[in-house]
């Protein structure tokens, strides 16, 4: 299996299919949260493509769930997130996620 974010630990990767591009936040899978809760609570960084730009995203916890909350809407707008796109996230460590965005035709943006 390839590791798209440079992290050999694919267990810290997940994907989301965009059903509402105007969503205010994005839920991180609970099983992933349990493995990295201490590291990622408060704030994380998202980076796309070549990593020239980073987005500071505050996280929100609700019970056993964690959400990318503050800054998520700006990330989605700047990256032109649309319905049916697939977002792949890989946790690179140090509070940073690499994000790859795929259109409905399966091609990476």
N, C-alpha and C. Protein backbone atom coordinates (compact mmCIF):
# COMPACT_ATOMS: atom_id res chain seq x y z
N UNK A 1 0.85 -1.18 0.00
CA UNK A 1 0.00 0.00 0.00
C UNK A 1 0.88 1.23 0.00
N UNK A 2 0.58 2.21 -0.84
CA UNK A 2 1.38 3.42 -0.87
C UNK A 2 1.01 4.31 0.31
N UNK A 3 1.96 5.10 0.74
CA UNK A 3 1.68 6.04 1.81
C UNK A 3 1.77 7.44 1.24
N UNK A 4 0.63 8.02 0.95
CA UNK A 4 0.57 9.27 0.21
C UNK A 4 1.09 10.45 0.98
N UNK A 5 1.18 10.38 2.29
CA UNK A 5 1.65 11.52 3.06
C UNK A 5 3.07 11.37 3.54
N UNK A 6 3.72 10.29 3.17
CA UNK A 6 5.07 10.08 3.62
C UNK A 6 5.16 9.39 4.96
N UNK A 7 4.05 8.99 5.52
CA UNK A 7 4.02 8.31 6.81
C UNK A 7 3.85 6.82 6.56
N UNK A 8 4.80 6.00 6.99
CA UNK A 8 4.67 4.57 6.75
C UNK A 8 3.56 3.93 7.57
N UNK A 9 2.97 4.67 8.50
CA UNK A 9 1.92 4.13 9.35
C UNK A 9 0.56 4.47 8.75
N UNK A 10 0.06 3.62 7.87
CA UNK A 10 -1.23 3.88 7.22
C UNK A 10 -2.40 3.82 8.19
N UNK A 11 -2.17 3.35 9.40
CA UNK A 11 -3.24 3.30 10.39
C UNK A 11 -3.66 4.70 10.82
N UNK A 12 -2.88 5.70 10.50
CA UNK A 12 -3.20 7.07 10.86
C UNK A 12 -3.70 7.85 9.64
N UNK A 13 -4.37 7.15 8.73
CA UNK A 13 -4.94 7.74 7.53
C UNK A 13 -6.44 7.48 7.50
N UNK A 14 -7.18 8.41 6.87
CA UNK A 14 -8.62 8.21 6.69
C UNK A 14 -9.09 9.03 5.51
N UNK A 15 -10.28 8.72 5.05
CA UNK A 15 -10.86 9.50 3.95
C UNK A 15 -12.28 9.91 4.29
N UNK A 16 -12.75 10.96 3.64
CA UNK A 16 -14.12 11.44 3.79
C UNK A 16 -14.65 11.78 2.40
N UNK A 17 -15.89 11.40 2.14
CA UNK A 17 -16.58 11.79 0.92
C UNK A 17 -17.40 13.03 1.25
N UNK A 18 -17.24 14.08 0.48
CA UNK A 18 -17.92 15.33 0.75
C UNK A 18 -19.38 15.24 0.32
N UNK A 19 -20.27 15.34 1.28
CA UNK A 19 -21.70 15.33 1.00
C UNK A 19 -22.29 16.74 1.07
N UNK A 20 -21.63 17.62 1.82
CA UNK A 20 -22.07 19.00 1.93
C UNK A 20 -20.83 19.89 1.94
N UNK A 21 -20.51 20.53 0.83
CA UNK A 21 -19.30 21.34 0.76
C UNK A 21 -19.35 22.57 1.67
N UNK A 22 -20.51 22.92 2.18
CA UNK A 22 -20.63 24.08 3.08
C UNK A 22 -20.54 23.70 4.55
N UNK A 23 -20.16 22.45 4.83
CA UNK A 23 -20.10 22.00 6.22
C UNK A 23 -19.15 22.88 7.02
N UNK A 24 -19.53 23.13 8.26
CA UNK A 24 -18.78 24.01 9.14
C UNK A 24 -17.61 23.29 9.81
N UNK A 25 -17.66 21.96 9.85
CA UNK A 25 -16.61 21.18 10.49
C UNK A 25 -16.59 19.79 9.90
N UNK A 26 -15.51 19.05 10.19
CA UNK A 26 -15.36 17.71 9.66
C UNK A 26 -15.02 16.76 10.81
N UNK A 27 -15.77 15.68 10.92
CA UNK A 27 -15.57 14.71 12.00
C UNK A 27 -14.43 13.77 11.65
N UNK A 28 -13.52 13.60 12.60
CA UNK A 28 -12.40 12.68 12.47
C UNK A 28 -12.86 11.33 13.03
N UNK A 29 -12.57 10.21 12.35
CA UNK A 29 -13.01 8.90 12.85
C UNK A 29 -12.54 8.64 14.29
N UNK A 30 -13.46 8.14 15.10
CA UNK A 30 -13.20 7.91 16.53
C UNK A 30 -12.01 7.00 16.77
N UNK A 31 -11.85 5.96 15.96
CA UNK A 31 -10.73 5.04 16.18
C UNK A 31 -9.40 5.74 15.99
N UNK A 32 -9.34 6.70 15.09
CA UNK A 32 -8.13 7.47 14.89
C UNK A 32 -7.91 8.44 16.04
N UNK A 33 -8.98 9.06 16.50
CA UNK A 33 -8.90 10.02 17.60
C UNK A 33 -8.31 9.35 18.83
N UNK A 34 -8.75 8.14 19.12
CA UNK A 34 -8.27 7.43 20.30
C UNK A 34 -6.76 7.20 20.25
N UNK A 35 -6.18 7.11 19.06
CA UNK A 35 -4.75 6.84 18.92
C UNK A 35 -3.90 8.09 19.00
N UNK A 36 -4.51 9.27 18.80
CA UNK A 36 -3.69 10.49 18.77
C UNK A 36 -4.34 11.66 19.49
N UNK A 37 -5.27 11.40 20.37
CA UNK A 37 -6.02 12.46 21.06
C UNK A 37 -5.12 13.51 21.69
N UNK A 38 -4.16 13.10 22.48
CA UNK A 38 -3.32 14.06 23.19
C UNK A 38 -2.55 14.97 22.24
N UNK A 39 -2.10 14.40 21.12
CA UNK A 39 -1.30 15.17 20.17
C UNK A 39 -2.10 16.20 19.41
N UNK A 40 -3.36 15.91 19.14
CA UNK A 40 -4.11 16.73 18.18
C UNK A 40 -5.18 17.62 18.79
N UNK A 41 -5.40 17.53 20.07
CA UNK A 41 -6.43 18.39 20.66
C UNK A 41 -5.92 19.83 20.70
N UNK A 42 -6.79 20.73 20.37
CA UNK A 42 -6.45 22.15 20.37
C UNK A 42 -6.29 22.70 18.98
N UNK A 43 -5.24 22.30 18.30
CA UNK A 43 -4.98 22.84 16.97
C UNK A 43 -4.14 21.86 16.16
N UNK A 44 -4.45 21.76 14.86
CA UNK A 44 -3.67 20.96 13.93
C UNK A 44 -3.39 21.80 12.69
N UNK A 45 -2.50 21.31 11.86
CA UNK A 45 -2.21 21.94 10.58
C UNK A 45 -2.66 21.01 9.46
N UNK A 46 -3.26 21.57 8.42
CA UNK A 46 -3.58 20.83 7.21
C UNK A 46 -2.71 21.39 6.10
N UNK A 47 -2.20 20.48 5.26
CA UNK A 47 -1.43 20.94 4.09
C UNK A 47 -1.88 20.13 2.88
N UNK A 48 -1.85 20.76 1.73
CA UNK A 48 -2.24 20.11 0.48
C UNK A 48 -1.07 20.15 -0.49
N UNK A 49 -1.09 19.21 -1.42
CA UNK A 49 -0.13 19.23 -2.52
C UNK A 49 1.31 19.30 -2.07
N UNK A 50 2.03 20.30 -2.59
CA UNK A 50 3.45 20.41 -2.30
C UNK A 50 3.74 20.96 -0.91
N UNK A 51 2.69 21.31 -0.17
CA UNK A 51 2.87 21.74 1.21
C UNK A 51 3.36 23.16 1.38
N UNK A 52 3.24 23.99 0.34
CA UNK A 52 3.66 25.38 0.46
C UNK A 52 2.75 26.17 1.38
N UNK A 53 1.51 25.75 1.49
CA UNK A 53 0.54 26.47 2.31
C UNK A 53 -0.01 25.55 3.38
N UNK A 54 -0.14 26.10 4.58
CA UNK A 54 -0.71 25.38 5.72
C UNK A 54 -1.93 26.14 6.22
N UNK A 55 -2.89 25.40 6.72
CA UNK A 55 -4.08 25.98 7.34
C UNK A 55 -4.10 25.57 8.80
N UNK A 56 -4.20 26.54 9.69
CA UNK A 56 -4.36 26.26 11.12
C UNK A 56 -5.82 25.93 11.38
N UNK A 57 -6.06 24.76 11.93
CA UNK A 57 -7.42 24.30 12.20
C UNK A 57 -7.54 24.00 13.69
N UNK A 58 -8.51 24.61 14.34
CA UNK A 58 -8.74 24.26 15.74
C UNK A 58 -9.63 23.02 15.77
N UNK A 59 -9.40 22.20 16.76
CA UNK A 59 -10.21 20.99 16.92
C UNK A 59 -11.22 21.19 18.03
N UNK A 60 -12.31 20.47 17.91
CA UNK A 60 -13.37 20.51 18.91
C UNK A 60 -13.66 19.08 19.32
N UNK A 61 -13.77 18.86 20.62
CA UNK A 61 -14.06 17.52 21.13
C UNK A 61 -15.49 17.49 21.63
N UNK A 62 -16.18 16.38 21.34
CA UNK A 62 -17.54 16.17 21.80
C UNK A 62 -17.65 14.70 22.18
N UNK A 63 -17.52 14.41 23.46
CA UNK A 63 -17.51 13.02 23.90
C UNK A 63 -16.28 12.33 23.37
N UNK A 64 -16.47 11.23 22.64
CA UNK A 64 -15.36 10.50 22.05
C UNK A 64 -15.06 10.95 20.63
N UNK A 65 -15.71 12.00 20.19
CA UNK A 65 -15.53 12.49 18.82
C UNK A 65 -14.67 13.74 18.80
N UNK A 66 -13.95 13.90 17.70
CA UNK A 66 -13.16 15.11 17.47
C UNK A 66 -13.52 15.64 16.09
N UNK A 67 -13.54 16.95 15.98
CA UNK A 67 -13.89 17.61 14.72
C UNK A 67 -12.82 18.61 14.35
N UNK A 68 -12.51 18.71 13.04
CA UNK A 68 -11.76 19.84 12.54
C UNK A 68 -12.80 20.96 12.49
N UNK A 69 -12.59 22.00 13.26
CA UNK A 69 -13.64 23.00 13.44
C UNK A 69 -13.19 24.38 12.94
N UNK A 70 -12.62 25.18 13.81
CA UNK A 70 -12.22 26.53 13.43
C UNK A 70 -11.21 26.52 12.31
N UNK A 71 -11.50 27.24 11.24
CA UNK A 71 -10.62 27.27 10.08
C UNK A 71 -10.98 26.27 9.00
N UNK A 72 -11.85 25.30 9.34
CA UNK A 72 -12.22 24.29 8.36
C UNK A 72 -12.93 24.92 7.17
N UNK A 73 -13.85 25.83 7.43
CA UNK A 73 -14.62 26.45 6.35
C UNK A 73 -13.70 27.19 5.38
N UNK A 74 -12.70 27.88 5.92
CA UNK A 74 -11.75 28.60 5.07
C UNK A 74 -10.93 27.62 4.24
N UNK A 75 -10.51 26.52 4.86
CA UNK A 75 -9.77 25.49 4.12
C UNK A 75 -10.61 24.98 2.95
N UNK A 76 -11.88 24.68 3.21
CA UNK A 76 -12.78 24.15 2.17
C UNK A 76 -12.99 25.18 1.06
N UNK A 77 -13.17 26.43 1.42
CA UNK A 77 -13.37 27.47 0.40
C UNK A 77 -12.12 27.69 -0.45
N UNK A 78 -10.97 27.78 0.19
CA UNK A 78 -9.72 28.04 -0.55
C UNK A 78 -9.34 26.88 -1.46
N UNK A 79 -9.76 25.67 -1.11
CA UNK A 79 -9.44 24.50 -1.92
C UNK A 79 -10.60 24.08 -2.82
N UNK A 80 -11.63 24.91 -2.88
CA UNK A 80 -12.77 24.69 -3.76
C UNK A 80 -13.37 23.29 -3.57
N UNK A 81 -13.57 22.91 -2.31
CA UNK A 81 -14.15 21.61 -1.99
C UNK A 81 -15.59 21.56 -2.50
N UNK A 82 -15.90 20.49 -3.23
CA UNK A 82 -17.23 20.34 -3.83
C UNK A 82 -17.84 18.99 -3.46
N UNK A 83 -19.14 18.92 -3.63
CA UNK A 83 -19.87 17.70 -3.34
C UNK A 83 -19.30 16.54 -4.17
N UNK A 84 -19.24 15.38 -3.57
CA UNK A 84 -18.77 14.09 -4.11
C UNK A 84 -17.25 14.01 -4.24
N UNK A 85 -16.52 15.05 -3.86
CA UNK A 85 -15.07 14.90 -3.85
C UNK A 85 -14.68 14.00 -2.67
N UNK A 86 -13.53 13.37 -2.81
CA UNK A 86 -13.01 12.51 -1.75
C UNK A 86 -11.76 13.18 -1.20
N UNK A 87 -11.73 13.32 0.12
CA UNK A 87 -10.58 13.91 0.80
C UNK A 87 -9.85 12.80 1.55
N UNK A 88 -8.56 12.63 1.27
CA UNK A 88 -7.73 11.66 1.97
C UNK A 88 -6.82 12.42 2.94
N UNK A 89 -6.81 11.99 4.18
CA UNK A 89 -6.01 12.61 5.23
C UNK A 89 -4.98 11.61 5.72
N UNK A 90 -3.75 12.07 5.88
CA UNK A 90 -2.70 11.24 6.46
C UNK A 90 -2.05 12.05 7.57
N UNK A 91 -2.02 11.48 8.77
CA UNK A 91 -1.40 12.16 9.89
C UNK A 91 0.10 11.97 9.80
N UNK A 92 0.81 13.08 9.62
CA UNK A 92 2.26 13.05 9.45
C UNK A 92 3.00 13.15 10.77
N UNK A 93 2.28 13.33 11.86
CA UNK A 93 2.90 13.59 13.15
C UNK A 93 3.03 15.09 13.35
N UNK A 94 3.48 15.48 14.51
CA UNK A 94 3.69 16.89 14.83
C UNK A 94 2.46 17.74 14.51
N UNK A 95 1.27 17.20 14.78
CA UNK A 95 -0.01 17.91 14.60
C UNK A 95 -0.30 18.31 13.16
N UNK A 96 0.25 17.58 12.18
CA UNK A 96 0.10 17.94 10.77
C UNK A 96 -0.55 16.80 9.98
N UNK A 97 -1.55 17.16 9.17
CA UNK A 97 -2.21 16.23 8.27
C UNK A 97 -1.95 16.67 6.83
N UNK A 98 -1.54 15.72 5.99
CA UNK A 98 -1.48 15.97 4.55
C UNK A 98 -2.84 15.60 3.98
N UNK A 99 -3.39 16.47 3.14
CA UNK A 99 -4.71 16.25 2.55
C UNK A 99 -4.57 16.14 1.04
N UNK A 100 -5.14 15.09 0.48
CA UNK A 100 -5.21 14.93 -0.97
C UNK A 100 -6.68 14.98 -1.37
N UNK A 101 -6.97 15.72 -2.42
CA UNK A 101 -8.35 15.95 -2.86
C UNK A 101 -8.54 15.32 -4.23
N UNK A 102 -9.58 14.47 -4.33
CA UNK A 102 -9.89 13.78 -5.58
C UNK A 102 -11.29 14.18 -6.05
N UNK A 103 -11.40 14.49 -7.34
CA UNK A 103 -12.70 14.81 -7.92
C UNK A 103 -13.52 13.54 -8.12
N UNK A 104 -14.79 13.72 -8.47
CA UNK A 104 -15.69 12.56 -8.64
C UNK A 104 -15.23 11.63 -9.75
N UNK A 105 -14.38 12.13 -10.66
CA UNK A 105 -13.85 11.26 -11.73
C UNK A 105 -12.63 10.47 -11.28
N UNK A 106 -12.22 10.65 -10.02
CA UNK A 106 -11.10 9.89 -9.45
C UNK A 106 -9.75 10.53 -9.65
N UNK A 107 -9.70 11.68 -10.30
CA UNK A 107 -8.42 12.36 -10.54
C UNK A 107 -8.11 13.31 -9.39
N UNK A 108 -6.85 13.33 -9.01
CA UNK A 108 -6.43 14.23 -7.94
C UNK A 108 -6.39 15.66 -8.45
N UNK A 109 -6.88 16.56 -7.61
CA UNK A 109 -6.85 18.00 -7.95
C UNK A 109 -5.44 18.53 -7.85
